Amino acid sequence: MSSRISIDAVRHVAKLAALSLSAEDETRMQSELDKILGHMEELNDLDVSGVSPTFHSVVAASSLRPDVVQPSLARNELLAAAPAQEAGGFAVPKVLDGE
């Protein structure tokens, strides 16, 4: 049986996730991702014609708080606890490469 996902696709996903995979890891991940995609394909075979959508009813019934402006701490109070500040905000180390 052919795989639903290619090694090239596994390598692409690994690159996006900033993962270094060995050839053995790539093969293992291909197998695991193939199984996941197989399970997703099985969902396509389910008869859900009698099942009503639930998204709207769940959202409507949820208890979301109103979006109301409330008092907060002053900027200088918040920044006083920061290990580093820059341009009136928190300074944090760069975590993403600009590729």
PDB file of N, CA and C in Angstrom:
ATOM      1  N   MET A   1       0.847  -1.177   0.000  1.00  0.00           N
ATOM      2  CA  MET A   1       0.000   0.000   0.000  1.00  0.00           C
ATOM      3  C   MET A   1       0.890   1.237   0.000  1.00  0.00           C
ATOM      4  N   SER A   2       0.523   2.219  -0.792  1.00  0.00           N
ATOM      5  CA  SER A   2       1.327   3.437  -0.830  1.00  0.00           C
ATOM      6  C   SER A   2       0.974   4.332   0.355  1.00  0.00           C
ATOM      7  N   SER A   3       1.934   5.124   0.728  1.00  0.00           N
ATOM      8  CA  SER A   3       1.756   6.017   1.864  1.00  0.00           C
ATOM      9  C   SER A   3       0.944   7.235   1.455  1.00  0.00           C
ATOM     10  N   ARG A   4       0.152   7.762   2.389  1.00  0.00           N
ATOM     11  CA  ARG A   4      -0.645   8.961   2.135  1.00  0.00           C
ATOM     12  C   ARG A   4       0.212  10.219   2.204  1.00  0.00           C
ATOM     13  N   ILE A   5       1.393  10.096   2.798  1.00  0.00           N
ATOM     14  CA  ILE A   5       2.268  11.259   2.977  1.00  0.00           C
ATOM     15  C   ILE A   5       3.681  10.877   2.542  1.00  0.00           C
ATOM     16  N   SER A   6       4.306  11.742   1.796  1.00  0.00           N
ATOM     17  CA  SER A   6       5.650  11.456   1.281  1.00  0.00           C
ATOM     18  C   SER A   6       6.718  11.854   2.298  1.00  0.00           C
ATOM     19  N   ILE A   7       7.898  11.307   2.103  1.00  0.00           N
ATOM     20  CA  ILE A   7       9.039  11.692   2.948  1.00  0.00           C
ATOM     21  C   ILE A   7       9.328  13.184   2.770  1.00  0.00           C
ATOM     22  N   ASP A   8       9.155  13.696   1.544  1.00  0.00           N
ATOM     23  CA  ASP A   8       9.362  15.132   1.315  1.00  0.00           C
ATOM     24  C   ASP A   8       8.389  15.967   2.147  1.00  0.00           C
ATOM     25  N   ALA A   9       7.148  15.508   2.250  1.00  0.00           N
ATOM     26  CA  ALA A   9       6.163  16.230   3.070  1.00  0.00           C
ATOM     27  C   ALA A   9       6.547  16.156   4.545  1.00  0.00           C
ATOM     28  N   VAL A  10       7.047  15.017   4.995  1.00  0.00           N
ATOM     29  CA  VAL A  10       7.507  14.876   6.384  1.00  0.00           C
ATOM     30  C   VAL A  10       8.656  15.849   6.640  1.00  0.00           C
ATOM     31  N   ARG A  11       9.581  15.924   5.712  1.00  0.00           N
ATOM     32  CA  ARG A  11      10.722  16.846   5.856  1.00  0.00           C
ATOM     33  C   ARG A  11      10.239  18.306   5.891  1.00  0.00           C
ATOM     34  N   HIS A  12       9.250  18.621   5.067  1.00  0.00           N
ATOM     35  CA  HIS A  12       8.708  19.983   5.037  1.00  0.00           C
ATOM     36  C   HIS A  12       8.057  20.330   6.378  1.00  0.00           C
ATOM     37  N   VAL A  13       7.254  19.420   6.906  1.00  0.00           N
ATOM     38  CA  VAL A  13       6.605  19.648   8.205  1.00  0.00           C
ATOM     39  C   VAL A  13       7.663  19.773   9.299  1.00  0.00           C
ATOM     40  N   ALA A  14       8.687  18.936   9.252  1.00  0.00           N
ATOM     41  CA  ALA A  14       9.761  19.004  10.247  1.00  0.00           C
ATOM     42  C   ALA A  14      10.474  20.352  10.171  1.00  0.00           C
ATOM     43  N   LYS A  15      10.694  20.837   8.953  1.00  0.00           N
ATOM     44  CA  LYS A  15      11.347  22.143   8.793  1.00  0.00           C
ATOM     45  C   LYS A  15      10.478  23.254   9.370  1.00  0.00           C
ATOM     46  N   LEU A  16       9.171  23.199   9.086  1.00  0.00           N
ATOM     47  CA  LEU A  16       8.256  24.212   9.623  1.00  0.00           C
ATOM     48  C   LEU A  16       8.232  24.192  11.153  1.00  0.00           C
ATOM     49  N   ALA A  17       8.396  22.996  11.726  1.00  0.00           N
ATOM     50  CA  ALA A  17       8.385  22.848  13.181  1.00  0.00           C
ATOM     51  C   ALA A  17       9.783  23.012  13.772  1.00  0.00           C
ATOM     52  N   ALA A  18      10.762  23.350  12.940  1.00  0.00           N
ATOM     53  CA  ALA A  18      12.160  23.521  13.366  1.00  0.00           C
ATOM     54  C   ALA A  18      12.680  22.270  14.059  1.00  0.00           C
ATOM     55  N   LEU A  19      12.387  21.090  13.462  1.00  0.00           N
ATOM     56  CA  LEU A  19      12.852  19.816  14.004  1.00  0.00           C
ATOM     57  C   LEU A  19      13.940  19.242  13.111  1.00  0.00           C
ATOM     58  N   SER A  20      14.947  18.668  13.727  1.00  0.00           N
ATOM     59  CA  SER A  20      15.974  17.944  12.986  1.00  0.00           C
ATOM     60  C   SER A  20      15.679  16.462  13.146  1.00  0.00           C
ATOM     61  N   LEU A  21      15.337  15.814  12.049  1.00  0.00           N
ATOM     62  CA  LEU A  21      14.999  14.395  12.107  1.00  0.00           C
ATOM     63  C   LEU A  21      16.059  13.571  11.393  1.00  0.00           C
ATOM     64  N   SER A  22      16.406  12.443  11.983  1.00  0.00           N
ATOM     65  CA  SER A  22      17.292  11.493  11.314  1.00  0.00           C
ATOM     66  C   SER A  22      16.473  10.761  10.256  1.00  0.00           C
ATOM     67  N   ALA A  23      17.141  10.014   9.388  1.00  0.00           N
ATOM     68  CA  ALA A  23      16.433   9.246   8.367  1.00  0.00           C
ATOM     69  C   ALA A  23      15.480   8.249   9.024  1.00  0.00           C
ATOM     70  N   GLU A  24      15.897   7.683  10.137  1.00  0.00           N
ATOM     71  CA  GLU A  24      15.044   6.736  10.877  1.00  0.00           C
ATOM     72  C   GLU A  24      13.813   7.454  11.430  1.00  0.00           C
ATOM     73  N   ASP A  25      14.019   8.652  11.979  1.00  0.00           N
ATOM     74  CA  ASP A  25      12.902   9.440  12.506  1.00  0.00           C
ATOM     75  C   ASP A  25      11.932   9.827  11.390  1.00  0.00           C
ATOM     76  N   GLU A  26      12.475  10.196  10.220  1.00  0.00           N
ATOM     77  CA  GLU A  26      11.617  10.561   9.095  1.00  0.00           C
ATOM     78  C   GLU A  26      10.713   9.405   8.695  1.00  0.00           C
ATOM     79  N   THR A  27      11.287   8.205   8.638  1.00  0.00           N
ATOM     80  CA  THR A  27      10.507   7.011   8.277  1.00  0.00           C
ATOM     81  C   THR A  27       9.442   6.723   9.325  1.00  0.00           C
ATOM     82  N   ARG A  28       9.813   6.844  10.600  1.00  0.00           N
ATOM     83  CA  ARG A  28       8.861   6.599  11.684  1.00  0.00           C
ATOM     84  C   ARG A  28       7.743   7.638  11.654  1.00  0.00           C
ATOM     85  N   MET A  29       8.107   8.908  11.453  1.00  0.00           N
ATOM     86  CA  MET A  29       7.106   9.962  11.402  1.00  0.00           C
ATOM     87  C   MET A  29       6.183   9.779  10.191  1.00  0.00           C
ATOM     88  N   GLN A  30       6.740   9.336   9.069  1.00  0.00           N
ATOM     89  CA  GLN A  30       5.920   9.080   7.893  1.00  0.00           C
ATOM     90  C   GLN A  30       4.866   8.021   8.219  1.00  0.00           C
ATOM     91  N   SER A  31       5.277   6.970   8.897  1.00  0.00           N
ATOM     92  CA  SER A  31       4.346   5.909   9.279  1.00  0.00           C
ATOM     93  C   SER A  31       3.276   6.425  10.242  1.00  0.00           C
ATOM     94  N   GLU A  32       3.695   7.199  11.252  1.00  0.00           N
ATOM     95  CA  GLU A  32       2.743   7.707  12.238  1.00  0.00           C
ATOM     96  C   GLU A  32       1.767   8.708  11.618  1.00  0.00           C
ATOM     97  N   LEU A  33       2.270   9.605  10.781  1.00  0.00           N
ATOM     98  CA  LEU A  33       1.394  10.576  10.125  1.00  0.00           C
ATOM     99  C   LEU A  33       0.452   9.880   9.149  1.00  0.00           C
ATOM    100  N   ASP A  34       0.941   8.824   8.501  1.00  0.00           N
ATOM    101  CA  ASP A  34       0.104   8.049   7.593  1.00  0.00           C
ATOM    102  C   ASP A  34      -1.066   7.411   8.352  1.00  0.00           C
ATOM    103  N   LYS A  35      -0.796   6.897   9.550  1.00  0.00           N
ATOM    104  CA  LYS A  35      -1.870   6.311  10.366  1.00  0.00           C
ATOM    105  C   LYS A  35      -2.890   7.375  10.771  1.00  0.00           C
ATOM    106  N   ILE A  36      -2.405   8.556  11.147  1.00  0.00           N
ATOM    107  CA  ILE A  36      -3.311   9.642  11.530  1.00  0.00           C
ATOM    108  C   ILE A  36      -4.199  10.022  10.350  1.00  0.00           C
ATOM    109  N   LEU A  37      -3.607  10.170   9.174  1.00  0.00           N
ATOM    110  CA  LEU A  37      -4.394  10.518   7.984  1.00  0.00           C
ATOM    111  C   LEU A  37      -5.383   9.405   7.640  1.00  0.00           C
ATOM    112  N   GLY A  38      -4.995   8.157   7.885  1.00  0.00           N
ATOM    113  CA  GLY A  38      -5.906   7.031   7.661  1.00  0.00           C
ATOM    114  C   GLY A  38      -7.123   7.112   8.558  1.00  0.00           C
ATOM    115  N   HIS A  39      -6.903   7.470   9.819  1.00  0.00           N
ATOM    116  CA  HIS A  39      -8.030   7.634  10.739  1.00  0.00           C
ATOM    117  C   HIS A  39      -8.938   8.776  10.285  1.00  0.00           C
ATOM    118  N   MET A  40      -8.342   9.852   9.783  1.00  0.00           N
ATOM    119  CA  MET A  40      -9.144  10.977   9.295  1.00  0.00           C
ATOM    120  C   MET A  40      -9.985  10.558   8.090  1.00  0.00           C
ATOM    121  N   GLU A  41      -9.415   9.730   7.219  1.00  0.00           N
ATOM    122  CA  GLU A  41     -10.167   9.251   6.059  1.00  0.00           C
ATOM    123  C   GLU A  41     -11.345   8.386   6.491  1.00  0.00           C
ATOM    124  N   GLU A  42     -11.180   7.628   7.576  1.00  0.00           N
ATOM    125  CA  GLU A  42     -12.280   6.807   8.082  1.00  0.00           C
ATOM    126  C   GLU A  42     -13.466   7.670   8.492  1.00  0.00           C
ATOM    127  N   LEU A  43     -13.218   8.883   8.956  1.00  0.00           N
ATOM    128  CA  LEU A  43     -14.300   9.778   9.343  1.00  0.00           C
ATOM    129  C   LEU A  43     -15.166  10.152   8.146  1.00  0.00           C
ATOM    130  N   ASN A  44     -14.557  10.175   6.953  1.00  0.00           N
ATOM    131  CA  ASN A  44     -15.326  10.490   5.746  1.00  0.00           C
ATOM    132  C   ASN A  44     -16.380   9.434   5.450  1.00  0.00           C
ATOM    133  N   ASP A  45     -16.182   8.215   5.952  1.00  0.00           N
ATOM    134  CA  ASP A  45     -17.112   7.122   5.684  1.00  0.00           C
ATOM    135  C   ASP A  45     -18.290   7.097   6.660  1.00  0.00           C
ATOM    136  N   LEU A  46     -18.245   7.919   7.693  1.00  0.00           N
ATOM    137  CA  LEU A  46     -19.329   7.922   8.678  1.00  0.00           C
ATOM    138  C   LEU A  46     -20.564   8.608   8.112  1.00  0.00           C
ATOM    139  N   ASP A  47     -21.738   8.024   8.401  1.00  0.00           N
ATOM    140  CA  ASP A  47     -23.001   8.638   7.986  1.00  0.00           C
ATOM    141  C   ASP A  47     -23.438   9.606   9.081  1.00  0.00           C
ATOM    142  N   VAL A  48     -23.322  10.876   8.802  1.00  0.00           N
ATOM    143  CA  VAL A  48     -23.705  11.898   9.780  1.00  0.00           C
ATOM    144  C   VAL A  48     -24.905  12.699   9.287  1.00  0.00           C
ATOM    145  N   SER A  49     -25.631  12.137   8.331  1.00  0.00           N
ATOM    146  CA  SER A  49     -26.762  12.871   7.757  1.00  0.00           C
ATOM    147  C   SER A  49     -27.835  13.171   8.797  1.00  0.00           C
ATOM    148  N   GLY A  50     -27.965  12.352   9.831  1.00  0.00           N
ATOM    149  CA  GLY A  50     -28.968  12.588  10.854  1.00  0.00           C
ATOM    150  C   GLY A  50     -28.458  13.370  12.050  1.00  0.00           C
ATOM    151  N   VAL A  51     -27.231  13.830  11.989  1.00  0.00           N
ATOM    152  CA  VAL A  51     -26.628  14.554  13.110  1.00  0.00           C
ATOM    153  C   VAL A  51     -26.682  16.052  12.809  1.00  0.00           C
ATOM    154  N   SER A  52     -27.297  16.785  13.696  1.00  0.00           N
ATOM    155  CA  SER A  52     -27.381  18.230  13.460  1.00  0.00           C
ATOM    156  C   SER A  52     -26.081  18.911  13.872  1.00  0.00           C
ATOM    157  N   PRO A  53     -25.730  19.986  13.196  1.00  0.00           N
ATOM    158  CA  PRO A  53     -24.513  20.720  13.559  1.00  0.00           C
ATOM    159  C   PRO A  53     -24.614  21.246  14.989  1.00  0.00           C
ATOM    160  N   THR A  54     -23.487  21.267  15.688  1.00  0.00           N
ATOM    161  CA  THR A  54     -23.511  21.727  17.074  1.00  0.00           C
ATOM    162  C   THR A  54     -22.736  23.006  17.298  1.00  0.00           C
ATOM    163  N   PHE A  55     -21.958  23.455  16.339  1.00  0.00           N
ATOM    164  CA  PHE A  55     -21.097  24.612  16.566  1.00  0.00           C
ATOM    165  C   PHE A  55     -21.883  25.825  17.027  1.00  0.00           C
ATOM    166  N   HIS A  56     -22.915  26.178  16.306  1.00  0.00           N
ATOM    167  CA  HIS A  56     -23.655  27.393  16.652  1.00  0.00           C
ATOM    168  C   HIS A  56     -24.342  27.273  18.000  1.00  0.00           C
ATOM    169  N   SER A  57     -24.890  26.109  18.297  1.00  0.00           N
ATOM    170  CA  SER A  57     -25.589  25.965  19.579  1.00  0.00           C
ATOM    171  C   SER A  57     -24.609  25.964  20.743  1.00  0.00           C
ATOM    172  N   VAL A  58     -23.424  25.432  20.539  1.00  0.00           N
ATOM    173  CA  VAL A  58     -22.426  25.435  21.609  1.00  0.00           C
ATOM    174  C   VAL A  58     -21.953  26.851  21.881  1.00  0.00           C
ATOM    175  N   VAL A  59     -21.668  27.607  20.832  1.00  0.00           N
ATOM    176  CA  VAL A  59     -21.207  28.984  20.999  1.00  0.00           C
ATOM    177  C   VAL A  59     -22.303  29.833  21.627  1.00  0.00           C
ATOM    178  N   ALA A  60     -23.529  29.662  21.180  1.00  0.00           N
ATOM    179  CA  ALA A  60     -24.633  30.461  21.710  1.00  0.00           C
ATOM    180  C   ALA A  60     -24.882  30.151  23.181  1.00  0.00           C
ATOM    181  N   ALA A  61     -24.647  28.912  23.585  1.00  0.00           N
ATOM    182  CA  ALA A  61     -24.925  28.519  24.968  1.00  0.00           C
ATOM    183  C   ALA A  61     -23.746  28.798  25.895  1.00  0.00           C
ATOM    184  N   SER A  62     -22.586  29.117  25.326  1.00  0.00           N
ATOM    185  CA  SER A  62     -21.422  29.339  26.180  1.00  0.00           C
ATOM    186  C   SER A  62     -21.560  30.655  26.943  1.00  0.00           C
ATOM    187  N   SER A  63     -20.878  30.738  28.024  1.00  0.00           N
ATOM    188  CA  SER A  63     -20.985  31.941  28.860  1.00  0.00           C
ATOM    189  C   SER A  63     -19.789  32.853  28.618  1.00  0.00           C
ATOM    190  N   LEU A  64     -19.815  33.557  27.513  1.00  0.00           N
ATOM    191  CA  LEU A  64     -18.758  34.509  27.205  1.00  0.00           C
ATOM    192  C   LEU A  64     -19.031  35.805  27.952  1.00  0.00           C
ATOM    193  N   ARG A  65     -17.998  36.362  28.536  1.00  0.00           N
ATOM    194  CA  ARG A  65     -18.176  37.618  29.253  1.00  0.00           C
ATOM    195  C   ARG A  65     -18.259  38.752  28.249  1.00  0.00           C
ATOM    196  N   PRO A  66     -18.930  39.808  28.589  1.00  0.00           N
ATOM    197  CA  PRO A  66     -18.996  40.955  27.677  1.00  0.00           C
ATOM    198  C   PRO A  66     -17.623  41.614  27.547  1.00  0.00           C
ATOM    199  N   ASP A  67     -17.363  42.160  26.389  1.00  0.00           N
ATOM    200  CA  ASP A  67     -16.088  42.829  26.123  1.00  0.00           C
ATOM    201  C   ASP A  67     -16.205  44.271  26.590  1.00  0.00           C
ATOM    202  N   VAL A  68     -15.829  44.499  27.841  1.00  0.00           N
ATOM    203  CA  VAL A  68     -15.986  45.802  28.461  1.00  0.00           C
ATOM    204  C   VAL A  68     -14.614  46.285  28.944  1.00  0.00           C
ATOM    205  N   VAL A  69     -14.293  47.521  28.665  1.00  0.00           N
ATOM    206  CA  VAL A  69     -13.041  48.106  29.138  1.00  0.00           C
ATOM    207  C   VAL A  69     -13.113  48.233  30.658  1.00  0.00           C
ATOM    208  N   GLN A  70     -12.050  47.745  31.327  1.00  0.00           N
ATOM    209  CA  GLN A  70     -11.990  47.813  32.782  1.00  0.00           C
ATOM    210  C   GLN A  70     -10.655  48.421  33.194  1.00  0.00           C
ATOM    211  N   PRO A  71     -10.591  48.981  34.389  1.00  0.00           N
ATOM    212  CA  PRO A  71      -9.314  49.545  34.854  1.00  0.00           C
ATOM    213  C   PRO A  71      -8.226  48.478  34.919  1.00  0.00           C
ATOM    214  N   SER A  72      -7.008  48.907  34.679  1.00  0.00           N
ATOM    215  CA  SER A  72      -5.866  48.004  34.702  1.00  0.00           C
ATOM    216  C   SER A  72      -4.718  48.699  35.416  1.00  0.00           C
ATOM    217  N   LEU A  73      -3.620  47.978  35.560  1.00  0.00           N
ATOM    218  CA  LEU A  73      -2.434  48.584  36.164  1.00  0.00           C
ATOM    219  C   LEU A  73      -1.826  49.605  35.204  1.00  0.00           C
ATOM    220  N   ALA A  74      -1.147  50.570  35.747  1.00  0.00           N
ATOM    221  CA  ALA A  74      -0.455  51.567  34.925  1.00  0.00           C
ATOM    222  C   ALA A  74       0.746  50.917  34.249  1.00  0.00           C
ATOM    223  N   ARG A  75       1.073  51.412  33.064  1.00  0.00           N
ATOM    224  CA  ARG A  75       2.182  50.846  32.294  1.00  0.00           C
ATOM    225  C   ARG A  75       3.472  50.798  33.113  1.00  0.00           C
ATOM    226  N   ASN A  76       3.793  51.886  33.845  1.00  0.00           N
ATOM    227  CA  ASN A  76       5.050  51.909  34.604  1.00  0.00           C
ATOM    228  C   ASN A  76       5.044  50.866  35.719  1.00  0.00           C
ATOM    229  N   GLU A  77       3.881  50.557  36.289  1.00  0.00           N
ATOM    230  CA  GLU A  77       3.798  49.508  37.313  1.00  0.00           C
ATOM    231  C   GLU A  77       4.076  48.133  36.703  1.00  0.00           C
ATOM    232  N   LEU A  78       3.508  47.882  35.529  1.00  0.00           N
ATOM    233  CA  LEU A  78       3.730  46.605  34.861  1.00  0.00           C
ATOM    234  C   LEU A  78       5.181  46.445  34.437  1.00  0.00           C
ATOM    235  N   LEU A  79       5.745  47.496  33.854  1.00  0.00           N
ATOM    236  CA  LEU A  79       7.114  47.419  33.357  1.00  0.00           C
ATOM    237  C   LEU A  79       8.140  47.373  34.485  1.00  0.00           C
ATOM    238  N   ALA A  80       7.756  47.799  35.677  1.00  0.00           N
ATOM    239  CA  ALA A  80       8.678  47.763  36.811  1.00  0.00           C
ATOM    240  C   ALA A  80       9.095  46.327  37.129  1.00  0.00           C
ATOM    241  N   ALA A  81       8.244  45.358  36.831  1.00  0.00           N
ATOM    242  CA  ALA A  81       8.543  43.953  37.106  1.00  0.00           C
ATOM    243  C   ALA A  81       9.264  43.266  35.945  1.00  0.00           C
ATOM    244  N   ALA A  82       9.417  43.961  34.829  1.00  0.00           N
ATOM    245  CA  ALA A  82      10.029  43.355  33.644  1.00  0.00           C
ATOM    246  C   ALA A  82      11.539  43.273  33.794  1.00  0.00           C
ATOM    247  N   PRO A  83      12.136  42.153  33.410  1.00  0.00           N
ATOM    248  CA  PRO A  83      13.601  42.061  33.461  1.00  0.00           C
ATOM    249  C   PRO A  83      14.275  42.988  32.457  1.00  0.00           C
ATOM    250  N   ALA A  84      13.571  43.288  31.345  1.00  0.00           N
ATOM    251  CA  ALA A  84      14.123  44.199  30.330  1.00  0.00           C
ATOM    252  C   ALA A  84      12.970  44.935  29.655  1.00  0.00           C
ATOM    253  N   GLN A  85      13.231  46.195  29.291  1.00  0.00           N
ATOM    254  CA  GLN A  85      12.219  47.027  28.641  1.00  0.00           C
ATOM    255  C   GLN A  85      12.795  47.585  27.344  1.00  0.00           C
ATOM    256  N   GLU A  86      11.892  47.838  26.398  1.00  0.00           N
ATOM    257  CA  GLU A  86      12.316  48.445  25.143  1.00  0.00           C
ATOM    258  C   GLU A  86      11.125  49.182  24.535  1.00  0.00           C
ATOM    259  N   ALA A  87      11.299  50.421  24.181  1.00  0.00           N
ATOM    260  CA  ALA A  87      10.275  51.242  23.519  1.00  0.00           C
ATOM    261  C   ALA A  87       8.953  51.229  24.274  1.00  0.00           C
ATOM    262  N   GLY A  88       9.010  51.305  25.597  1.00  0.00           N
ATOM    263  CA  GLY A  88       7.795  51.357  26.394  1.00  0.00           C
ATOM    264  C   GLY A  88       7.076  50.031  26.539  1.00  0.00           C
ATOM    265  N   GLY A  89       7.762  48.930  26.271  1.00  0.00           N
ATOM    266  CA  GLY A  89       7.151  47.602  26.387  1.00  0.00           C
ATOM    267  C   GLY A  89       8.150  46.592  26.907  1.00  0.00           C
ATOM    268  N   PHE A  90       7.718  45.347  26.998  1.00  0.00           N
ATOM    269  CA  PHE A  90       8.588  44.263  27.448  1.00  0.00           C
ATOM    270  C   PHE A  90       9.573  43.910  26.345  1.00  0.00           C
ATOM    271  N   ALA A  91      10.845  43.768  26.677  1.00  0.00           N
ATOM    272  CA  ALA A  91      11.857  43.325  25.721  1.00  0.00           C
ATOM    273  C   ALA A  91      12.024  41.825  25.910  1.00  0.00           C
ATOM    274  N   VAL A  92      11.901  41.086  24.806  1.00  0.00           N
ATOM    275  CA  VAL A  92      12.030  39.622  24.857  1.00  0.00           C
ATOM    276  C   VAL A  92      13.036  39.174  23.824  1.00  0.00           C
ATOM    277  N   PRO A  93      13.703  38.031  24.050  1.00  0.00           N
ATOM    278  CA  PRO A  93      14.667  37.553  23.083  1.00  0.00           C
ATOM    279  C   PRO A  93      13.980  37.087  21.779  1.00  0.00           C
ATOM    280  N   LYS A  94      14.690  37.213  20.692  1.00  0.00           N
ATOM    281  CA  LYS A  94      14.190  36.757  19.409  1.00  0.00           C
ATOM    282  C   LYS A  94      14.092  35.234  19.435  1.00  0.00           C
ATOM    283  N   VAL A  95      12.953  34.695  18.991  1.00  0.00           N
ATOM    284  CA  VAL A  95      12.774  33.246  19.026  1.00  0.00           C
ATOM    285  C   VAL A  95      12.571  32.647  17.647  1.00  0.00           C
ATOM    286  N   LEU A  96      12.338  33.454  16.633  1.00  0.00           N
ATOM    287  CA  LEU A  96      12.123  32.942  15.276  1.00  0.00           C
ATOM    288  C   LEU A  96      13.188  33.487  14.354  1.00  0.00           C
ATOM    289  N   ASP A  97      13.641  32.625  13.439  1.00  0.00           N
ATOM    290  CA  ASP A  97      14.566  33.061  12.407  1.00  0.00           C
ATOM    291  C   ASP A  97      13.777  33.723  11.297  1.00  0.00           C
ATOM    292  N   GLY A  98      14.361  34.709  10.651  1.00  0.00           N
ATOM    293  CA  GLY A  98      13.687  35.419   9.569  1.00  0.00           C
ATOM    294  C   GLY A  98      13.886  34.767   8.225  1.00  0.00           C
ATOM    295  N   GLU A  99      13.511  33.499   8.081  1.00  0.00           N
ATOM    296  CA  GLU A  99      13.654  32.811   6.784  1.00  0.00           C
ATOM    297  C   GLU A  99      12.440  33.006   5.930  1.00  0.00           C
TER     298      GLU A  99
END
